Amino acid sequence: MGLGMGGTMMPIMTSALKTLTHHEVARGSTLLNILQ
């Protein structure tokens, strides 16, 4: 399970934030943390 977890959560977050602009990053990370 740990092997799978290591390859799940952070890659998903990476995908979520990768295409945001500099100004959008703070708002995007806030959105993700509220969701979590």
PDB file of all heavy atoms in Angstrom:
ATOM      1  N   MET A   1       0.831  -1.206   0.000  1.00  0.00           N
ATOM      2  CA  MET A   1       0.000   0.000   0.000  1.00  0.00           C
ATOM      3  C   MET A   1       0.866   1.255   0.000  1.00  0.00           C
ATOM      4  O   MET A   1       0.562   2.240  -0.681  1.00  0.00           O
ATOM      5  CB  MET A   1      -0.917   0.015   1.222  1.00  0.00           C
ATOM      6  CG  MET A   1      -2.024  -1.007   1.190  1.00  0.00           C
ATOM      7  SD  MET A   1      -3.140  -0.845   2.594  1.00  0.00           S
ATOM      8  CE  MET A   1      -3.950   0.692   2.172  1.00  0.00           C
ATOM      9  N   GLY A   2       1.946   1.228   0.782  1.00  0.00           N
ATOM     10  CA  GLY A   2       2.858   2.366   0.819  1.00  0.00           C
ATOM     11  C   GLY A   2       3.488   2.639  -0.536  1.00  0.00           C
ATOM     12  O   GLY A   2       3.625   3.799  -0.945  1.00  0.00           O
ATOM     13  N   LEU A   3       3.851   1.567  -1.248  1.00  0.00           N
ATOM     14  CA  LEU A   3       4.390   1.742  -2.597  1.00  0.00           C
ATOM     15  C   LEU A   3       3.396   2.485  -3.477  1.00  0.00           C
ATOM     16  O   LEU A   3       3.761   3.384  -4.244  1.00  0.00           O
ATOM     17  CB  LEU A   3       4.713   0.377  -3.215  1.00  0.00           C
ATOM     18  CG  LEU A   3       5.853  -0.433  -2.589  1.00  0.00           C
ATOM     19  CD1 LEU A   3       5.943  -1.809  -3.251  1.00  0.00           C
ATOM     20  CD2 LEU A   3       7.189   0.297  -2.726  1.00  0.00           C
ATOM     21  N   GLY A   4       2.108   2.104  -3.360  1.00  0.00           N
ATOM     22  CA  GLY A   4       1.083   2.764  -4.158  1.00  0.00           C
ATOM     23  C   GLY A   4       0.836   4.196  -3.717  1.00  0.00           C
ATOM     24  O   GLY A   4       0.664   5.097  -4.550  1.00  0.00           O
ATOM     25  N   MET A   5       0.818   4.439  -2.417  1.00  0.00           N
ATOM     26  CA  MET A   5       0.573   5.784  -1.907  1.00  0.00           C
ATOM     27  C   MET A   5       1.655   6.757  -2.330  1.00  0.00           C
ATOM     28  O   MET A   5       1.390   7.922  -2.628  1.00  0.00           O
ATOM     29  CB  MET A   5       0.445   5.750  -0.386  1.00  0.00           C
ATOM     30  CG  MET A   5      -0.828   5.090   0.092  1.00  0.00           C
ATOM     31  SD  MET A   5      -0.850   4.884   1.878  1.00  0.00           S
ATOM     32  CE  MET A   5      -2.421   4.015   2.062  1.00  0.00           C
ATOM     33  N   GLY A   6       2.889   6.275  -2.344  1.00  0.00           N
ATOM     34  CA  GLY A   6       3.993   7.128  -2.770  1.00  0.00           C
ATOM     35  C   GLY A   6       3.871   7.567  -4.217  1.00  0.00           C
ATOM     36  O   GLY A   6       4.454   8.586  -4.612  1.00  0.00           O
ATOM     37  N   GLY A   7       3.117   6.803  -4.995  1.00  0.00           N
ATOM     38  CA  GLY A   7       2.948   7.151  -6.404  1.00  0.00           C
ATOM     39  C   GLY A   7       1.597   7.739  -6.734  1.00  0.00           C
ATOM     40  O   GLY A   7       1.231   7.820  -7.903  1.00  0.00           O
ATOM     41  N   THR A   8       0.858   8.169  -5.709  1.00  0.00           N
ATOM     42  CA  THR A   8      -0.513   8.642  -5.947  1.00  0.00           C
ATOM     43  C   THR A   8      -0.718  10.109  -5.580  1.00  0.00           C
ATOM     44  O   THR A   8      -0.954  10.953  -6.448  1.00  0.00           O
ATOM     45  CB  THR A   8      -1.518   7.776  -5.162  1.00  0.00           C
ATOM     46  OG1 THR A   8      -1.376   6.415  -5.559  1.00  0.00           O
ATOM     47  CG2 THR A   8      -2.937   8.220  -5.442  1.00  0.00           C
ATOM     48  N   MET A   9      -0.628  10.432  -4.292  1.00  0.00           N
ATOM     49  CA  MET A   9      -1.073  11.743  -3.818  1.00  0.00           C
ATOM     50  C   MET A   9      -0.295  12.902  -4.436  1.00  0.00           C
ATOM     51  O   MET A   9      -0.870  13.843  -4.997  1.00  0.00           O
ATOM     52  CB  MET A   9      -0.984  11.819  -2.293  1.00  0.00           C
ATOM     53  CG  MET A   9      -1.492  13.145  -1.725  1.00  0.00           C
ATOM     54  SD  MET A   9      -1.443  13.199   0.080  1.00  0.00           S
ATOM     55  CE  MET A   9      -2.719  12.009   0.486  1.00  0.00           C
ATOM     56  N   MET A  10       1.033  12.853  -4.351  1.00  0.00           N
ATOM     57  CA  MET A  10       1.813  13.992  -4.820  1.00  0.00           C
ATOM     58  C   MET A  10       1.816  14.123  -6.346  1.00  0.00           C
ATOM     59  O   MET A  10       1.774  15.248  -6.863  1.00  0.00           O
ATOM     60  CB  MET A  10       3.247  13.911  -4.273  1.00  0.00           C
ATOM     61  CG  MET A  10       3.314  13.924  -2.748  1.00  0.00           C
ATOM     62  SD  MET A  10       2.157  15.058  -1.941  1.00  0.00           S
ATOM     63  CE  MET A  10       2.843  16.630  -2.411  1.00  0.00           C
ATOM     64  N   PRO A  11       1.847  13.018  -7.123  1.00  0.00           N
ATOM     65  CA  PRO A  11       1.695  13.194  -8.571  1.00  0.00           C
ATOM     66  C   PRO A  11       0.373  13.844  -8.958  1.00  0.00           C
ATOM     67  O   PRO A  11       0.324  14.650  -9.897  1.00  0.00           O
ATOM     68  CB  PRO A  11       1.791  11.754  -9.109  1.00  0.00           C
ATOM     69  CG  PRO A  11       2.663  11.060  -8.126  1.00  0.00           C
ATOM     70  CD  PRO A  11       2.271  11.638  -6.791  1.00  0.00           C
ATOM     71  N   ILE A  12      -0.712  13.513  -8.233  1.00  0.00           N
ATOM     72  CA  ILE A  12      -1.998  14.154  -8.530  1.00  0.00           C
ATOM     73  C   ILE A  12      -1.912  15.654  -8.248  1.00  0.00           C
ATOM     74  O   ILE A  12      -2.384  16.485  -9.029  1.00  0.00           O
ATOM     75  CB  ILE A  12      -3.127  13.509  -7.704  1.00  0.00           C
ATOM     76  CG1 ILE A  12      -3.352  12.061  -8.147  1.00  0.00           C
ATOM     77  CG2 ILE A  12      -4.423  14.300  -7.865  1.00  0.00           C
ATOM     78  CD1 ILE A  12      -4.353  11.311  -7.294  1.00  0.00           C
ATOM     79  N   MET A  13      -1.312  16.029  -7.120  1.00  0.00           N
ATOM     80  CA  MET A  13      -1.157  17.452  -6.801  1.00  0.00           C
ATOM     81  C   MET A  13      -0.261  18.153  -7.820  1.00  0.00           C
ATOM     82  O   MET A  13      -0.501  19.299  -8.196  1.00  0.00           O
ATOM     83  CB  MET A  13      -0.574  17.611  -5.392  1.00  0.00           C
ATOM     84  CG  MET A  13      -1.534  17.286  -4.278  1.00  0.00           C
ATOM     85  SD  MET A  13      -0.837  17.718  -2.680  1.00  0.00           S
ATOM     86  CE  MET A  13      -2.243  17.400  -1.611  1.00  0.00           C
ATOM     87  N   THR A  14       0.771  17.461  -8.260  1.00  0.00           N
ATOM     88  CA  THR A  14       1.650  18.021  -9.282  1.00  0.00           C
ATOM     89  C   THR A  14       0.881  18.327 -10.544  1.00  0.00           C
ATOM     90  O   THR A  14       1.002  19.403 -11.141  1.00  0.00           O
ATOM     91  CB  THR A  14       2.788  17.033  -9.592  1.00  0.00           C
ATOM     92  OG1 THR A  14       3.553  16.815  -8.411  1.00  0.00           O
ATOM     93  CG2 THR A  14       3.702  17.576 -10.685  1.00  0.00           C
ATOM     94  N   SER A  15       0.047  17.369 -10.959  1.00  0.00           N
ATOM     95  CA  SER A  15      -0.751  17.568 -12.157  1.00  0.00           C
ATOM     96  C   SER A  15      -1.703  18.742 -11.989  1.00  0.00           C
ATOM     97  O   SER A  15      -1.933  19.515 -12.928  1.00  0.00           O
ATOM     98  CB  SER A  15      -1.547  16.284 -12.460  1.00  0.00           C
ATOM     99  OG  SER A  15      -2.403  16.465 -13.564  1.00  0.00           O
ATOM    100  N   ALA A  16      -2.251  18.903 -10.781  1.00  0.00           N
ATOM    101  CA  ALA A  16      -3.210  19.978 -10.536  1.00  0.00           C
ATOM    102  C   ALA A  16      -2.571  21.354 -10.636  1.00  0.00           C
ATOM    103  O   ALA A  16      -3.169  22.297 -11.156  1.00  0.00           O
ATOM    104  CB  ALA A  16      -3.839  19.795  -9.155  1.00  0.00           C
ATOM    105  N   LEU A  17      -1.339  21.501 -10.146  1.00  0.00           N
ATOM    106  CA  LEU A  17      -0.707  22.816 -10.055  1.00  0.00           C
ATOM    107  C   LEU A  17       0.175  23.153 -11.248  1.00  0.00           C
ATOM    108  O   LEU A  17       0.525  24.320 -11.451  1.00  0.00           O
ATOM    109  CB  LEU A  17       0.136  22.901  -8.769  1.00  0.00           C
ATOM    110  CG  LEU A  17      -0.625  22.783  -7.448  1.00  0.00           C
ATOM    111  CD1 LEU A  17       0.346  22.800  -6.278  1.00  0.00           C
ATOM    112  CD2 LEU A  17      -1.646  23.900  -7.304  1.00  0.00           C
ATOM    113  N   LYS A  18       0.525  22.154 -12.039  1.00  0.00           N
ATOM    114  CA  LYS A  18       1.544  22.357 -13.072  1.00  0.00           C
ATOM    115  C   LYS A  18       1.151  23.400 -14.109  1.00  0.00           C
ATOM    116  O   LYS A  18       2.002  24.155 -14.590  1.00  0.00           O
ATOM    117  CB  LYS A  18       1.858  21.018 -13.751  1.00  0.00           C
ATOM    118  CG  LYS A  18       2.927  21.123 -14.827  1.00  0.00           C
ATOM    119  CD  LYS A  18       3.318  19.752 -15.356  1.00  0.00           C
ATOM    120  CE  LYS A  18       4.167  19.012 -14.359  1.00  0.00           C
ATOM    121  NZ  LYS A  18       4.706  17.749 -14.919  1.00  0.00           N
ATOM    122  N   THR A  19      -0.108  23.461 -14.484  1.00  0.00           N
ATOM    123  CA  THR A  19      -0.501  24.362 -15.571  1.00  0.00           C
ATOM    124  C   THR A  19      -1.071  25.686 -15.072  1.00  0.00           C
ATOM    125  O   THR A  19      -1.641  26.451 -15.844  1.00  0.00           O
ATOM    126  CB  THR A  19      -1.547  23.682 -16.481  1.00  0.00           C
ATOM    127  OG1 THR A  19      -2.658  23.262 -15.684  1.00  0.00           O
ATOM    128  CG2 THR A  19      -0.946  22.484 -17.189  1.00  0.00           C
ATOM    129  N   LEU A  20      -0.913  25.980 -13.767  1.00  0.00           N
ATOM    130  CA  LEU A  20      -1.380  27.257 -13.231  1.00  0.00           C
ATOM    131  C   LEU A  20      -0.306  28.329 -13.416  1.00  0.00           C
ATOM    132  O   LEU A  20       0.889  28.041 -13.402  1.00  0.00           O
ATOM    133  CB  LEU A  20      -1.721  27.127 -11.741  1.00  0.00           C
ATOM    134  CG  LEU A  20      -2.847  26.152 -11.384  1.00  0.00           C
ATOM    135  CD1 LEU A  20      -3.105  26.190  -9.883  1.00  0.00           C
ATOM    136  CD2 LEU A  20      -4.119  26.468 -12.147  1.00  0.00           C
ATOM    137  N   THR A  21      -0.735  29.571 -13.560  1.00  0.00           N
ATOM    138  CA  THR A  21       0.213  30.682 -13.666  1.00  0.00           C
ATOM    139  C   THR A  21       0.753  31.029 -12.287  1.00  0.00           C
ATOM    140  O   THR A  21       0.256  30.563 -11.250  1.00  0.00           O
ATOM    141  CB  THR A  21      -0.467  31.925 -14.258  1.00  0.00           C
ATOM    142  OG1 THR A  21      -1.463  32.389 -13.338  1.00  0.00           O
ATOM    143  CG2 THR A  21      -1.117  31.606 -15.601  1.00  0.00           C
ATOM    144  N   HIS A  22       1.770  31.890 -12.273  1.00  0.00           N
ATOM    145  CA  HIS A  22       2.403  32.311 -11.021  1.00  0.00           C
ATOM    146  C   HIS A  22       1.358  32.862 -10.053  1.00  0.00           C
ATOM    147  O   HIS A  22       1.352  32.540  -8.870  1.00  0.00           O
ATOM    148  CB  HIS A  22       3.463  33.376 -11.336  1.00  0.00           C
ATOM    149  CG  HIS A  22       4.131  33.952 -10.121  1.00  0.00           C
ATOM    150  ND1 HIS A  22       5.241  33.369  -9.558  1.00  0.00           N
ATOM    151  CD2 HIS A  22       3.846  35.048  -9.384  1.00  0.00           C
ATOM    152  CE1 HIS A  22       5.617  34.100  -8.503  1.00  0.00           C
ATOM    153  NE2 HIS A  22       4.788  35.123  -8.381  1.00  0.00           N
ATOM    154  N   HIS A  23       0.458  33.698 -10.548  1.00  0.00           N
ATOM    155  CA  HIS A  23      -0.540  34.332  -9.694  1.00  0.00           C
ATOM    156  C   HIS A  23      -1.591  33.347  -9.217  1.00  0.00           C
ATOM    157  O   HIS A  23      -2.180  33.521  -8.133  1.00  0.00           O
ATOM    158  CB  HIS A  23      -1.213  35.487 -10.452  1.00  0.00           C
ATOM    159  CG  HIS A  23      -2.228  36.222  -9.629  1.00  0.00           C
ATOM    160  ND1 HIS A  23      -1.882  37.022  -8.563  1.00  0.00           N
ATOM    161  CD2 HIS A  23      -3.585  36.260  -9.706  1.00  0.00           C
ATOM    162  CE1 HIS A  23      -2.981  37.539  -8.017  1.00  0.00           C
ATOM    163  NE2 HIS A  23      -4.024  37.097  -8.698  1.00  0.00           N
ATOM    164  N   GLU A  24      -1.842  32.287  -9.992  1.00  0.00           N
ATOM    165  CA  GLU A  24      -2.891  31.332  -9.647  1.00  0.00           C
ATOM    166  C   GLU A  24      -2.442  30.277  -8.652  1.00  0.00           C
ATOM    167  O   GLU A  24      -3.282  29.591  -8.060  1.00  0.00           O
ATOM    168  CB  GLU A  24      -3.383  30.627 -10.916  1.00  0.00           C
ATOM    169  CG  GLU A  24      -4.133  31.524 -11.886  1.00  0.00           C
ATOM    170  CD  GLU A  24      -4.415  30.823 -13.202  1.00  0.00           C
ATOM    171  OE1 GLU A  24      -3.703  29.851 -13.527  1.00  0.00           O
ATOM    172  OE2 GLU A  24      -5.347  31.263 -13.908  1.00  0.00           O
ATOM    173  N   VAL A  25      -1.125  30.146  -8.445  1.00  0.00           N
ATOM    174  CA  VAL A  25      -0.615  29.049  -7.623  1.00  0.00           C
ATOM    175  C   VAL A  25      -1.128  29.133  -6.188  1.00  0.00           C
ATOM    176  O   VAL A  25      -1.560  28.129  -5.606  1.00  0.00           O
ATOM    177  CB  VAL A  25       0.929  29.028  -7.661  1.00  0.00           C
ATOM    178  CG1 VAL A  25       1.475  28.145  -6.550  1.00  0.00           C
ATOM    179  CG2 VAL A  25       1.418  28.528  -9.007  1.00  0.00           C
ATOM    180  N   ALA A  26      -1.083  30.338  -5.579  1.00  0.00           N
ATOM    181  CA  ALA A  26      -1.542  30.473  -4.194  1.00  0.00           C
ATOM    182  C   ALA A  26      -3.012  30.089  -4.074  1.00  0.00           C
ATOM    183  O   ALA A  26      -3.415  29.381  -3.137  1.00  0.00           O
ATOM    184  CB  ALA A  26      -1.319  31.901  -3.702  1.00  0.00           C
ATOM    185  N   ARG A  27      -3.842  30.540  -5.041  1.00  0.00           N
ATOM    186  CA  ARG A  27      -5.270  30.223  -4.991  1.00  0.00           C
ATOM    187  C   ARG A  27      -5.505  28.736  -5.261  1.00  0.00           C
ATOM    188  O   ARG A  27      -6.383  28.113  -4.669  1.00  0.00           O
ATOM    189  CB  ARG A  27      -6.016  31.076  -6.026  1.00  0.00           C
ATOM    190  CG  ARG A  27      -5.842  32.582  -5.850  1.00  0.00           C
ATOM    191  CD  ARG A  27      -6.272  33.038  -4.467  1.00  0.00           C
ATOM    192  NE  ARG A  27      -6.071  34.449  -4.247  1.00  0.00           N
ATOM    193  CZ  ARG A  27      -7.047  35.347  -4.277  1.00  0.00           C
ATOM    194  NH1 ARG A  27      -8.281  34.964  -4.536  1.00  0.00           N
ATOM    195  NH2 ARG A  27      -6.788  36.613  -4.030  1.00  0.00           N
ATOM    196  N   GLY A  28      -4.720  28.160  -6.175  1.00  0.00           N
ATOM    197  CA  GLY A  28      -4.878  26.737  -6.481  1.00  0.00           C
ATOM    198  C   GLY A  28      -4.505  25.847  -5.314  1.00  0.00           C
ATOM    199  O   GLY A  28      -5.200  24.864  -5.012  1.00  0.00           O
ATOM    200  N   SER A  29      -3.405  26.166  -4.622  1.00  0.00           N
ATOM    201  CA  SER A  29      -2.994  25.352  -3.478  1.00  0.00           C
ATOM    202  C   SER A  29      -3.990  25.489  -2.331  1.00  0.00           C
ATOM    203  O   SER A  29      -4.246  24.526  -1.597  1.00  0.00           O
ATOM    204  CB  SER A  29      -1.587  25.741  -3.017  1.00  0.00           C
ATOM    205  OG  SER A  29      -1.525  27.108  -2.656  1.00  0.00           O
ATOM    206  N   THR A  30      -4.575  26.691  -2.160  1.00  0.00           N
ATOM    207  CA  THR A  30      -5.617  26.877  -1.150  1.00  0.00           C
ATOM    208  C   THR A  30      -6.823  26.001  -1.461  1.00  0.00           C
ATOM    209  O   THR A  30      -7.390  25.342  -0.577  1.00  0.00           O
ATOM    210  CB  THR A  30      -6.045  28.359  -1.092  1.00  0.00           C
ATOM    211  OG1 THR A  30      -4.921  29.156  -0.725  1.00  0.00           O
ATOM    212  CG2 THR A  30      -7.161  28.560  -0.081  1.00  0.00           C
ATOM    213  N   LEU A  31      -7.234  25.979  -2.726  1.00  0.00           N
ATOM    214  CA  LEU A  31      -8.364  25.157  -3.148  1.00  0.00           C
ATOM    215  C   LEU A  31      -8.109  23.684  -2.860  1.00  0.00           C
ATOM    216  O   LEU A  31      -8.972  22.963  -2.331  1.00  0.00           O
ATOM    217  CB  LEU A  31      -8.617  25.374  -4.642  1.00  0.00           C
ATOM    218  CG  LEU A  31      -9.812  24.653  -5.270  1.00  0.00           C
ATOM    219  CD1 LEU A  31     -11.113  25.114  -4.636  1.00  0.00           C
ATOM    220  CD2 LEU A  31      -9.841  24.898  -6.772  1.00  0.00           C
ATOM    221  N   LEU A  32      -6.919  23.196  -3.176  1.00  0.00           N
ATOM    222  CA  LEU A  32      -6.578  21.796  -2.940  1.00  0.00           C
ATOM    223  C   LEU A  32      -6.594  21.462  -1.455  1.00  0.00           C
ATOM    224  O   LEU A  32      -7.053  20.390  -1.047  1.00  0.00           O
ATOM    225  CB  LEU A  32      -5.192  21.491  -3.519  1.00  0.00           C
ATOM    226  CG  LEU A  32      -5.093  21.340  -5.037  1.00  0.00           C
ATOM    227  CD1 LEU A  32      -3.634  21.178  -5.447  1.00  0.00           C
ATOM    228  CD2 LEU A  32      -5.911  20.155  -5.526  1.00  0.00           C
ATOM    229  N   ASN A  33      -6.089  22.373  -0.612  1.00  0.00           N
ATOM    230  CA  ASN A  33      -6.035  22.097   0.822  1.00  0.00           C
ATOM    231  C   ASN A  33      -7.420  22.102   1.455  1.00  0.00           C
ATOM    232  O   ASN A  33      -7.686  21.315   2.366  1.00  0.00           O
ATOM    233  CB  ASN A  33      -5.119  23.102   1.514  1.00  0.00           C
ATOM    234  CG  ASN A  33      -3.663  22.694   1.431  1.00  0.00           C
ATOM    235  OD1 ASN A  33      -3.166  21.980   2.281  1.00  0.00           O
ATOM    236  ND2 ASN A  33      -2.983  23.125   0.379  1.00  0.00           N
ATOM    237  N   ILE A  34      -8.302  22.993   0.992  1.00  0.00           N
ATOM    238  CA  ILE A  34      -9.686  22.965   1.494  1.00  0.00           C
ATOM    239  C   ILE A  34     -10.345  21.642   1.120  1.00  0.00           C
ATOM    240  O   ILE A  34     -11.014  20.994   1.939  1.00  0.00           O
ATOM    241  CB  ILE A  34     -10.485  24.149   0.914  1.00  0.00           C
ATOM    242  CG1 ILE A  34     -10.014  25.459   1.547  1.00  0.00           C
ATOM    243  CG2 ILE A  34     -11.982  23.961   1.138  1.00  0.00           C
ATOM    244  CD1 ILE A  34     -10.668  26.677   0.960  1.00  0.00           C
ATOM    245  N   LEU A  35     -10.134  21.226  -0.109  1.00  0.00           N
ATOM    246  CA  LEU A  35     -10.702  19.969  -0.584  1.00  0.00           C
ATOM    247  C   LEU A  35     -10.205  18.794   0.257  1.00  0.00           C
ATOM    248  O   LEU A  35     -10.983  17.925   0.672  1.00  0.00           O
ATOM    249  CB  LEU A  35     -10.328  19.759  -2.050  1.00  0.00           C
ATOM    250  CG  LEU A  35     -10.758  18.436  -2.660  1.00  0.00           C
ATOM    251  CD1 LEU A  35     -12.203  18.512  -3.105  1.00  0.00           C
ATOM    252  CD2 LEU A  35      -9.878  18.061  -3.825  1.00  0.00           C
ATOM    253  N   GLN A  36      -8.896  18.764   0.520  1.00  0.00           N
ATOM    254  CA  GLN A  36      -8.334  17.678   1.319  1.00  0.00           C
ATOM    255  C   GLN A  36      -8.908  17.671   2.727  1.00  0.00           C
ATOM    256  O   GLN A  36      -9.178  16.611   3.291  1.00  0.00           O
ATOM    257  CB  GLN A  36      -6.810  17.811   1.388  1.00  0.00           C
ATOM    258  CG  GLN A  36      -6.092  17.187   0.213  1.00  0.00           C
ATOM    259  CD  GLN A  36      -4.599  17.117   0.500  1.00  0.00           C
ATOM    260  OE1 GLN A  36      -3.908  18.125   0.507  1.00  0.00           O
ATOM    261  NE2 GLN A  36      -4.112  15.934   0.746  1.00  0.00           N
TER     262      GLN A  36
END
